[in-house]
Structures are given as structure tokens and as C-alpha cells.
């Protein structure tokens, strides 16, 4: 799509927006080269970088070195690491591949099972609240958006007992998610102490 047409001059013109931000989120609907350049600039300016490796494709190791948080789902984790994530030990094995290449935190989303959260010293499964999913369109994007707006940037580190808490309401469709009354009932907190 159009995102793959982004060129360096467009990234240059976005520098003011990047500088005024706290976090930069990217996914693989833009070129790896543009994402890498954006993440390098974001890190120069002290931003937190979050990578959503979707749709899954090979990642340059250099990009992982500029990634604070990577958020693959099980399918993307399998594609990128060759490891089928089915439990905490397999998630830890997959996550360590990202961490060993420079990523600070890994969140592997597991659908209705929740998410595995890890850094180099900690790994735990945070269960999801049970909801009746009616439309999962943009679920990963919404999850990462929630993380991005609720992150505490002052002291980014892992603290397992309060790293992530989900509270979700029943969301019937992607359009309903953006309805004000629904978003008031949807809280997703990612707290770094």
C-alpha cells in the first residue's frame, strides 16, 4: 500500500513531529529502511520505540538494536524465530532471540490466552480477561496503541507484578472501539516503574 511508498524526504519532514513525541511505533507496512532510519532518529531524541513486526518478514538485526519493545503475535514470533510459542518456556526462548539482538522488552501476544512479557531477566504470562470477541480486526494495532499511550517514560524497566494489566469491555466492531463511550470502558495499562 501507500505506506511502502514513504521515502527519506518524507521522513525528514516528519522530524518535528517525532521530536515532539514520547514514543514511535512502526510496523512492517513501511519499508525496513525507513523504519530503521526513523528508529535511529527517535533514539537520538530519547523516544521509546515500539515495533509491531506485522506483516511478518525478515528483520535486520540493526533494527532490533534500536527497538525498545517488540510486540509479535504467536504467528509472527514463529516466523521470525522459528520457535512455536505455546507456553512460557517456548515464549522465553523466542523472546531471547530478540533480546540477544538488542531489543529491551518483548511482548508476545497470545490471543485469548493473554500476553507473555519479558526482558532479559523476567518472563511471565499475563492472562487476558475473557470476552466474547465479535471482530478482531486491528486487535494487535489497538493493543499496541493502548501500550503506547499508557507507558510511563520516566523510568523504563520491567517490574513483573504490575507490568501489564488488561481491562477490556466487549467491543463489537472496530468502529465501536473508536466510539467515545466504548473507549471510556476500555482501559489498557502498561506501567514501567
C-alpha atoms as a PDB file:
ATOM      1  CA  UNK A   1       0.000   0.000   0.000  1.00  0.00           C
ATOM      2  CA  UNK A   2       0.841   3.663   0.260  1.00  0.00           C
ATOM      3  CA  UNK A   3       2.934   3.196   3.409  1.00  0.00           C
ATOM      4  CA  UNK A   4       5.554   1.298   1.407  1.00  0.00           C
ATOM      5  CA  UNK A   5       5.965   4.412  -0.769  1.00  0.00           C
ATOM      6  CA  UNK A   6       7.262   6.556   2.109  1.00  0.00           C
ATOM      7  CA  UNK A   7      10.671   7.943   1.188  1.00  0.00           C
ATOM      8  CA  UNK A   8      13.501   9.552   3.155  1.00  0.00           C
ATOM      9  CA  UNK A   9      12.426  13.121   2.360  1.00  0.00           C
ATOM     10  CA  UNK A  10       9.005  12.411   3.903  1.00  0.00           C
ATOM     11  CA  UNK A  11      10.719  11.068   6.999  1.00  0.00           C
ATOM     12  CA  UNK A  12      12.874  14.191   7.111  1.00  0.00           C
ATOM     13  CA  UNK A  13       9.767  16.370   7.022  1.00  0.00           C
ATOM     14  CA  UNK A  14       8.301  14.372   9.941  1.00  0.00           C
ATOM     15  CA  UNK A  15      11.265  15.062  12.254  1.00  0.00           C
ATOM     16  CA  UNK A  16       9.448  17.875  14.073  1.00  0.00           C
ATOM     17  CA  UNK A  17       6.555  15.543  14.857  1.00  0.00           C
ATOM     18  CA  UNK A  18       8.949  12.833  16.048  1.00  0.00           C
ATOM     19  CA  UNK A  19      10.815  15.332  18.241  1.00  0.00           C
ATOM     20  CA  UNK A  20       7.583  16.379  19.950  1.00  0.00           C
ATOM     21  CA  UNK A  21       6.619  12.767  20.724  1.00  0.00           C
ATOM     22  CA  UNK A  22       7.398  10.335  23.538  1.00  0.00           C
ATOM     23  CA  UNK A  23       7.062   7.129  21.561  1.00  0.00           C
ATOM     24  CA  UNK A  24       7.450   5.992  17.954  1.00  0.00           C
ATOM     25  CA  UNK A  25       5.522   2.928  16.792  1.00  0.00           C
ATOM     26  CA  UNK A  26       6.249   1.226  13.483  1.00  0.00           C
ATOM     27  CA  UNK A  27       5.078  -1.891  11.709  1.00  0.00           C
ATOM     28  CA  UNK A  28       6.094  -3.619   8.533  1.00  0.00           C
ATOM     29  CA  UNK A  29       3.719  -1.846   6.212  1.00  0.00           C
ATOM     30  CA  UNK A  30       6.567   0.642   5.787  1.00  0.00           C
ATOM     31  CA  UNK A  31       9.969  -0.323   4.428  1.00  0.00           C
ATOM     32  CA  UNK A  32      12.557  -1.681   6.855  1.00  0.00           C
ATOM     33  CA  UNK A  33      14.991   1.021   5.699  1.00  0.00           C
ATOM     34  CA  UNK A  34      12.578   3.853   6.565  1.00  0.00           C
ATOM     35  CA  UNK A  35      11.677   2.210   9.883  1.00  0.00           C
ATOM     36  CA  UNK A  36      15.362   1.822  10.780  1.00  0.00           C
ATOM     37  CA  UNK A  37      16.111   5.452   9.970  1.00  0.00           C
ATOM     38  CA  UNK A  38      13.062   6.620  11.948  1.00  0.00           C
ATOM     39  CA  UNK A  39      14.030   4.483  14.960  1.00  0.00           C
ATOM     40  CA  UNK A  40      17.624   5.761  14.879  1.00  0.00           C
ATOM     41  CA  UNK A  41      16.369   9.339  14.915  1.00  0.00           C
ATOM     42  CA  UNK A  42      13.824   8.556  17.636  1.00  0.00           C
ATOM     43  CA  UNK A  43      16.522   7.063  19.874  1.00  0.00           C
ATOM     44  CA  UNK A  44      18.755  10.140  19.291  1.00  0.00           C
ATOM     45  CA  UNK A  45      15.857  12.229  20.601  1.00  0.00           C
ATOM     46  CA  UNK A  46      15.173   9.957  23.596  1.00  0.00           C
ATOM     47  CA  UNK A  47      11.920   8.374  22.418  1.00  0.00           C
ATOM     48  CA  UNK A  48      10.712   4.880  23.250  1.00  0.00           C
ATOM     49  CA  UNK A  49      10.467   2.735  20.108  1.00  0.00           C
ATOM     50  CA  UNK A  50       7.872   0.010  19.669  1.00  0.00           C
ATOM     51  CA  UNK A  51       7.989  -2.403  16.747  1.00  0.00           C
ATOM     52  CA  UNK A  52       4.969  -4.374  15.568  1.00  0.00           C
ATOM     53  CA  UNK A  53       6.543  -6.915  13.161  1.00  0.00           C
ATOM     54  CA  UNK A  54       3.398  -7.320  11.067  1.00  0.00           C
ATOM     55  CA  UNK A  55       3.048  -8.466   8.436  1.00  0.00           C
ATOM     56  CA  UNK A  56       5.913 -10.771   9.364  1.00  0.00           C
ATOM     57  CA  UNK A  57       9.068 -10.571   7.282  1.00  0.00           C
ATOM     58  CA  UNK A  58      12.786 -10.797   7.979  1.00  0.00           C
ATOM     59  CA  UNK A  59      14.154  -8.175  10.374  1.00  0.00           C
ATOM     60  CA  UNK A  60      17.577  -6.603  10.111  1.00  0.00           C
ATOM     61  CA  UNK A  61      19.441  -7.125  13.381  1.00  0.00           C
ATOM     62  CA  UNK A  62      20.362  -3.440  13.365  1.00  0.00           C
ATOM     63  CA  UNK A  63      16.663  -2.524  13.640  1.00  0.00           C
ATOM     64  CA  UNK A  64      16.302  -4.678  16.762  1.00  0.00           C
ATOM     65  CA  UNK A  65      19.180  -2.763  18.357  1.00  0.00           C
ATOM     66  CA  UNK A  66      17.067   0.409  18.087  1.00  0.00           C
ATOM     67  CA  UNK A  67      13.857  -1.267  19.285  1.00  0.00           C
ATOM     68  CA  UNK A  68      12.843  -0.862  22.930  1.00  0.00           C
ATOM     69  CA  UNK A  69       9.750  -3.088  22.717  1.00  0.00           C
ATOM     70  CA  UNK A  70       8.830  -5.643  20.055  1.00  0.00           C
ATOM     71  CA  UNK A  71       5.260  -6.968  20.013  1.00  0.00           C
ATOM     72  CA  UNK A  72       4.788 -10.019  17.770  1.00  0.00           C
ATOM     73  CA  UNK A  73       1.856 -12.401  17.970  1.00  0.00           C
ATOM     74  CA  UNK A  74       2.430 -16.180  18.026  1.00  0.00           C
ATOM     75  CA  UNK A  75       2.458 -16.469  14.238  1.00  0.00           C
ATOM     76  CA  UNK A  76       4.927 -13.608  13.813  1.00  0.00           C
ATOM     77  CA  UNK A  77       7.127 -14.987  16.600  1.00  0.00           C
ATOM     78  CA  UNK A  78       7.204 -18.367  14.841  1.00  0.00           C
ATOM     79  CA  UNK A  79       8.082 -16.776  11.502  1.00  0.00           C
ATOM     80  CA  UNK A  80      10.809 -14.560  12.976  1.00  0.00           C
ATOM     81  CA  UNK A  81      12.398 -17.051  15.375  1.00  0.00           C
ATOM     82  CA  UNK A  82      11.416 -20.496  14.110  1.00  0.00           C
ATOM     83  CA  UNK A  83      10.019 -21.266  17.570  1.00  0.00           C
ATOM     84  CA  UNK A  84       6.380 -22.193  18.101  1.00  0.00           C
ATOM     85  CA  UNK A  85       5.227 -20.255  21.159  1.00  0.00           C
ATOM     86  CA  UNK A  86       2.889 -22.487  23.115  1.00  0.00           C
ATOM     87  CA  UNK A  87       3.945 -21.877  26.723  1.00  0.00           C
ATOM     88  CA  UNK A  88       6.211 -19.698  28.857  1.00  0.00           C
ATOM     89  CA  UNK A  89       9.443 -21.675  28.165  1.00  0.00           C
ATOM     90  CA  UNK A  90       8.939 -21.515  24.383  1.00  0.00           C
ATOM     91  CA  UNK A  91       8.000 -17.819  24.616  1.00  0.00           C
ATOM     92  CA  UNK A  92      11.154 -17.156  26.610  1.00  0.00           C
ATOM     93  CA  UNK A  93      13.256 -18.995  24.035  1.00  0.00           C
ATOM     94  CA  UNK A  94      11.695 -16.979  21.191  1.00  0.00           C
ATOM     95  CA  UNK A  95      11.881 -13.698  23.113  1.00  0.00           C
ATOM     96  CA  UNK A  96      15.548 -14.163  23.941  1.00  0.00           C
ATOM     97  CA  UNK A  97      16.320 -14.169  20.233  1.00  0.00           C
ATOM     98  CA  UNK A  98      15.064 -10.573  20.068  1.00  0.00           C
ATOM     99  CA  UNK A  99      16.713  -9.549  23.331  1.00  0.00           C
ATOM    100  CA  UNK A 100      20.071 -11.022  22.322  1.00  0.00           C
ATOM    101  CA  UNK A 101      19.946  -8.748  19.272  1.00  0.00           C
ATOM    102  CA  UNK A 102      19.344  -5.592  21.317  1.00  0.00           C
ATOM    103  CA  UNK A 103      15.613  -5.332  21.991  1.00  0.00           C
ATOM    104  CA  UNK A 104      14.942  -4.443  25.633  1.00  0.00           C
ATOM    105  CA  UNK A 105      11.415  -5.850  26.067  1.00  0.00           C
ATOM    106  CA  UNK A 106       9.335  -8.482  24.279  1.00  0.00           C
ATOM    107  CA  UNK A 107       5.561  -8.834  24.432  1.00  0.00           C
ATOM    108  CA  UNK A 108       4.262 -11.893  22.567  1.00  0.00           C
ATOM    109  CA  UNK A 109       0.501 -11.694  22.255  1.00  0.00           C
ATOM    110  CA  UNK A 110      -1.337 -14.991  22.524  1.00  0.00           C
ATOM    111  CA  UNK A 111      -4.915 -14.046  21.707  1.00  0.00           C
ATOM    112  CA  UNK A 112      -7.382 -15.143  24.358  1.00  0.00           C
ATOM    113  CA  UNK A 113      -4.543 -16.583  26.477  1.00  0.00           C
ATOM    114  CA  UNK A 114      -3.090 -13.115  27.129  1.00  0.00           C
ATOM    115  CA  UNK A 115       0.475 -11.974  26.536  1.00  0.00           C
ATOM    116  CA  UNK A 116       3.930 -13.138  27.518  1.00  0.00           C
ATOM    117  CA  UNK A 117       6.048 -10.259  28.761  1.00  0.00           C
ATOM    118  CA  UNK A 118       9.781 -10.420  29.154  1.00  0.00           C
ATOM    119  CA  UNK A 119      13.076  -8.678  29.418  1.00  0.00           C
ATOM    120  CA  UNK A 120      16.487 -10.289  29.849  1.00  0.00           C
ATOM    121  CA  UNK A 121      15.763 -11.249  33.471  1.00  0.00           C
ATOM    122  CA  UNK A 122      11.984 -11.760  33.676  1.00  0.00           C
ATOM    123  CA  UNK A 123       9.321 -13.672  31.782  1.00  0.00           C
ATOM    124  CA  UNK A 124       5.683 -14.126  32.676  1.00  0.00           C
ATOM    125  CA  UNK A 125       2.282 -14.794  31.187  1.00  0.00           C
ATOM    126  CA  UNK A 126      -0.314 -12.128  31.858  1.00  0.00           C
ATOM    127  CA  UNK A 127      -3.726 -13.732  31.230  1.00  0.00           C
ATOM    128  CA  UNK A 128      -6.354 -11.891  29.236  1.00  0.00           C
ATOM    129  CA  UNK A 129      -9.766 -11.228  30.654  1.00  0.00           C
ATOM    130  CA  UNK A 130     -12.342 -13.390  28.935  1.00  0.00           C
ATOM    131  CA  UNK A 131     -14.504 -11.531  26.463  1.00  0.00           C
ATOM    132  CA  UNK A 132     -16.682 -12.630  23.592  1.00  0.00           C
ATOM    133  CA  UNK A 133     -14.718 -11.456  20.544  1.00  0.00           C
ATOM    134  CA  UNK A 134     -17.008 -10.273  17.796  1.00  0.00           C
ATOM    135  CA  UNK A 135     -14.469  -8.603  15.499  1.00  0.00           C
ATOM    136  CA  UNK A 136     -10.699  -8.958  15.937  1.00  0.00           C
ATOM    137  CA  UNK A 137      -9.844  -6.543  13.120  1.00  0.00           C
ATOM    138  CA  UNK A 138      -6.969  -4.322  14.278  1.00  0.00           C
ATOM    139  CA  UNK A 139      -6.734  -6.083  17.659  1.00  0.00           C
ATOM    140  CA  UNK A 140      -2.926  -6.002  17.594  1.00  0.00           C
ATOM    141  CA  UNK A 141      -2.848  -2.376  16.489  1.00  0.00           C
ATOM    142  CA  UNK A 142      -5.293  -1.438  19.257  1.00  0.00           C
ATOM    143  CA  UNK A 143      -3.237  -3.341  21.830  1.00  0.00           C
ATOM    144  CA  UNK A 144      -0.040  -1.547  20.808  1.00  0.00           C
ATOM    145  CA  UNK A 145      -1.880   1.772  20.719  1.00  0.00           C
ATOM    146  CA  UNK A 146      -3.007   1.183  24.295  1.00  0.00           C
ATOM    147  CA  UNK A 147       0.549   0.402  25.346  1.00  0.00           C
ATOM    148  CA  UNK A 148       1.845   3.497  23.590  1.00  0.00           C
ATOM    149  CA  UNK A 149      -0.467   5.937  25.331  1.00  0.00           C
ATOM    150  CA  UNK A 150      -0.238   4.426  28.817  1.00  0.00           C
ATOM    151  CA  UNK A 151       3.510   3.893  29.081  1.00  0.00           C
ATOM    152  CA  UNK A 152       5.408   5.715  31.845  1.00  0.00           C
ATOM    153  CA  UNK A 153       8.539   7.061  30.159  1.00  0.00           C
ATOM    154  CA  UNK A 154      10.372   8.369  33.218  1.00  0.00           C
ATOM    155  CA  UNK A 155      11.955   5.053  34.238  1.00  0.00           C
ATOM    156  CA  UNK A 156      11.554   2.311  31.648  1.00  0.00           C
ATOM    157  CA  UNK A 157      12.186  -1.037  33.315  1.00  0.00           C
ATOM    158  CA  UNK A 158      10.425  -4.311  33.957  1.00  0.00           C
ATOM    159  CA  UNK A 159       8.558  -4.948  37.193  1.00  0.00           C
ATOM    160  CA  UNK A 160       6.667  -8.202  36.809  1.00  0.00           C
ATOM    161  CA  UNK A 161       3.789  -7.771  39.247  1.00  0.00           C
ATOM    162  CA  UNK A 162       2.451  -4.623  37.627  1.00  0.00           C
ATOM    163  CA  UNK A 163       3.967  -4.654  34.143  1.00  0.00           C
ATOM    164  CA  UNK A 164       0.693  -5.065  32.317  1.00  0.00           C
ATOM    165  CA  UNK A 165      -2.929  -5.158  33.369  1.00  0.00           C
ATOM    166  CA  UNK A 166      -5.712  -5.611  30.908  1.00  0.00           C
ATOM    167  CA  UNK A 167      -9.277  -4.472  31.486  1.00  0.00           C
ATOM    168  CA  UNK A 168     -11.441  -4.842  28.432  1.00  0.00           C
ATOM    169  CA  UNK A 169     -15.033  -4.251  27.662  1.00  0.00           C
ATOM    170  CA  UNK A 170     -16.919  -6.069  24.959  1.00  0.00           C
ATOM    171  CA  UNK A 171     -16.071  -4.410  21.681  1.00  0.00           C
ATOM    172  CA  UNK A 172     -18.443  -5.396  18.940  1.00  0.00           C
ATOM    173  CA  UNK A 173     -16.557  -3.921  15.981  1.00  0.00           C
ATOM    174  CA  UNK A 174     -13.529  -1.873  15.060  1.00  0.00           C
ATOM    175  CA  UNK A 175     -15.754   1.185  14.588  1.00  0.00           C
ATOM    176  CA  UNK A 176     -17.267   0.763  18.033  1.00  0.00           C
ATOM    177  CA  UNK A 177     -13.784   0.769  19.572  1.00  0.00           C
ATOM    178  CA  UNK A 178     -13.345   4.368  18.479  1.00  0.00           C
ATOM    179  CA  UNK A 179     -16.733   5.420  19.838  1.00  0.00           C
ATOM    180  CA  UNK A 180     -16.153   7.664  22.880  1.00  0.00           C
ATOM    181  CA  UNK A 181     -18.475   5.768  25.218  1.00  0.00           C
ATOM    182  CA  UNK A 182     -16.743   2.482  24.404  1.00  0.00           C
ATOM    183  CA  UNK A 183     -13.224   3.840  24.820  1.00  0.00           C
ATOM    184  CA  UNK A 184     -14.174   5.115  28.265  1.00  0.00           C
ATOM    185  CA  UNK A 185     -14.881   1.493  29.225  1.00  0.00           C
ATOM    186  CA  UNK A 186     -11.646   0.211  27.695  1.00  0.00           C
ATOM    187  CA  UNK A 187      -8.550   0.545  29.836  1.00  0.00           C
ATOM    188  CA  UNK A 188      -5.212  -0.983  28.981  1.00  0.00           C
ATOM    189  CA  UNK A 189      -2.376  -0.118  31.269  1.00  0.00           C
ATOM    190  CA  UNK A 190       1.296  -0.822  30.718  1.00  0.00           C
ATOM    191  CA  UNK A 191       3.246   0.539  33.632  1.00  0.00           C
ATOM    192  CA  UNK A 192       7.016   0.696  33.755  1.00  0.00           C
ATOM    193  CA  UNK A 193       8.342   1.657  37.208  1.00  0.00           C
END
